[in-house]
Amino acid sequence: MLKLLPVFRIVAFLEGLSYILLLGIACPIKWFLDDPQYVKLLGMPHGILFMIYVVMAVLISSDMKWSSKTLWIVLIASVLPFGTFYIEKKYLNTTRRA
């Protein structure tokens, strides 16, 4: 399952990026300019990436030897802006591993 780690890192990055774009650009355009097209455009890909992130986190948690607490932190980070970037730095960065 550790073969999934590079894929999970990419998914985590894309999920975090799509969330930031959705919250930082698409939603303000929708609210202030009354133009929901960007939310519609970014919403579905973000939702799909979110679901993939959650499933992959659960799948790789045992191979990464994460405790239940760590898994919950990884899962909760997916709903926080910039959370997946923190997870990448703290838990997924393979250069720190011995």
Protein backbone atom coordinates (compact mmCIF):
# COMPACT_ATOMS: atom_id res chain seq x y z
CA MET A 1 0.00 0.00 0.00
CA LEU A 2 2.96 2.33 0.39
CA LYS A 3 2.96 2.43 -3.39
CA LEU A 4 -0.15 4.57 -2.96
CA LEU A 5 1.76 7.19 -0.97
CA PRO A 6 2.97 9.21 -3.99
CA VAL A 7 -0.57 9.18 -5.39
CA PHE A 8 -1.98 10.21 -2.02
CA ARG A 9 0.49 13.10 -1.82
CA ILE A 10 -0.69 14.34 -5.22
CA VAL A 11 -4.34 13.94 -4.26
CA ALA A 12 -3.73 15.79 -0.97
CA PHE A 13 -2.08 18.67 -2.83
CA LEU A 14 -4.83 18.88 -5.45
CA GLU A 15 -7.59 18.62 -2.84
CA GLY A 16 -6.03 21.42 -0.82
CA LEU A 17 -5.51 23.57 -3.90
CA SER A 18 -9.07 23.05 -5.12
CA TYR A 19 -10.39 23.95 -1.65
CA ILE A 20 -8.36 27.17 -1.53
CA LEU A 21 -9.51 28.12 -5.04
CA LEU A 22 -13.11 27.34 -4.13
CA LEU A 23 -13.05 29.35 -0.90
CA GLY A 24 -10.70 32.11 -2.01
CA ILE A 25 -11.81 32.81 -5.54
CA ALA A 26 -15.01 31.03 -6.58
CA CYS A 27 -17.12 31.78 -3.48
CA PRO A 28 -16.25 35.51 -3.34
CA ILE A 29 -17.08 35.81 -7.05
CA LYS A 30 -20.39 34.09 -6.38
CA TRP A 31 -21.21 36.28 -3.37
CA PHE A 32 -20.00 39.67 -4.57
CA LEU A 33 -20.53 39.41 -8.33
CA ASP A 34 -23.53 37.06 -8.25
CA ASP A 35 -21.80 34.69 -10.66
CA PRO A 36 -22.01 31.04 -9.52
CA GLN A 37 -20.29 29.53 -12.56
CA TYR A 38 -16.90 29.18 -10.85
CA VAL A 39 -18.40 27.40 -7.85
CA LYS A 40 -20.12 25.01 -10.23
CA LEU A 41 -16.88 24.56 -12.15
CA LEU A 42 -14.69 23.88 -9.07
CA GLY A 43 -17.25 22.22 -6.81
CA MET A 44 -17.48 18.80 -8.44
CA PRO A 45 -13.72 18.25 -8.88
CA HIS A 46 -13.14 19.34 -5.28
CA GLY A 47 -15.82 16.95 -4.03
CA ILE A 48 -14.34 14.05 -5.95
CA LEU A 49 -10.82 14.86 -4.72
CA PHE A 50 -12.14 15.11 -1.15
CA MET A 51 -13.71 11.65 -1.34
CA ILE A 52 -10.54 10.16 -2.88
CA TYR A 53 -8.45 11.82 -0.14
CA VAL A 54 -10.57 10.31 2.64
CA VAL A 55 -10.59 6.81 1.13
CA MET A 56 -6.85 6.86 0.45
CA ALA A 57 -6.07 8.16 3.95
CA VAL A 58 -7.93 5.23 5.46
CA LEU A 59 -6.25 2.78 3.08
CA ILE A 60 -2.68 3.89 3.76
CA SER A 61 -3.10 4.54 7.49
CA SER A 62 -2.10 1.02 8.53
CA ASP A 63 0.95 0.91 6.25
CA MET A 64 2.04 4.30 7.55
CA LYS A 65 1.52 2.96 11.09
CA TRP A 66 -0.70 5.89 12.02
CA SER A 67 -2.50 5.77 15.32
CA SER A 68 -6.23 6.41 15.36
CA LYS A 69 -5.49 9.93 16.55
CA THR A 70 -3.17 10.59 13.62
CA LEU A 71 -5.72 9.23 11.15
CA TRP A 72 -8.36 11.55 12.61
CA ILE A 73 -5.97 14.49 12.32
CA VAL A 74 -5.34 13.62 8.66
CA LEU A 75 -9.08 13.34 8.02
CA ILE A 76 -10.00 16.54 9.86
CA ALA A 77 -7.27 18.44 8.00
CA SER A 78 -9.14 17.83 4.77
CA VAL A 79 -11.94 20.18 5.86
CA LEU A 80 -9.60 22.96 7.02
CA PRO A 81 -8.16 25.48 4.59
CA PHE A 82 -4.45 24.68 4.10
CA GLY A 83 -4.95 21.52 6.20
CA THR A 84 -3.75 19.10 3.55
CA PHE A 85 -0.58 21.14 3.08
CA TYR A 86 0.13 20.75 6.81
CA ILE A 87 -0.45 16.99 6.54
CA GLU A 88 1.94 16.81 3.60
CA LYS A 89 4.66 18.54 5.59
CA LYS A 90 4.05 16.76 8.91
CA TYR A 91 3.00 13.20 8.00
CA LEU A 92 3.68 12.51 4.31
CA ASN A 93 7.11 13.99 3.73
CA THR A 94 9.23 10.90 3.07
CA THR A 95 12.53 12.78 3.25
CA ARG A 96 12.13 12.96 7.05
CA ARG A 97 11.77 9.20 7.42
CA ALA A 98 14.64 7.14 8.80
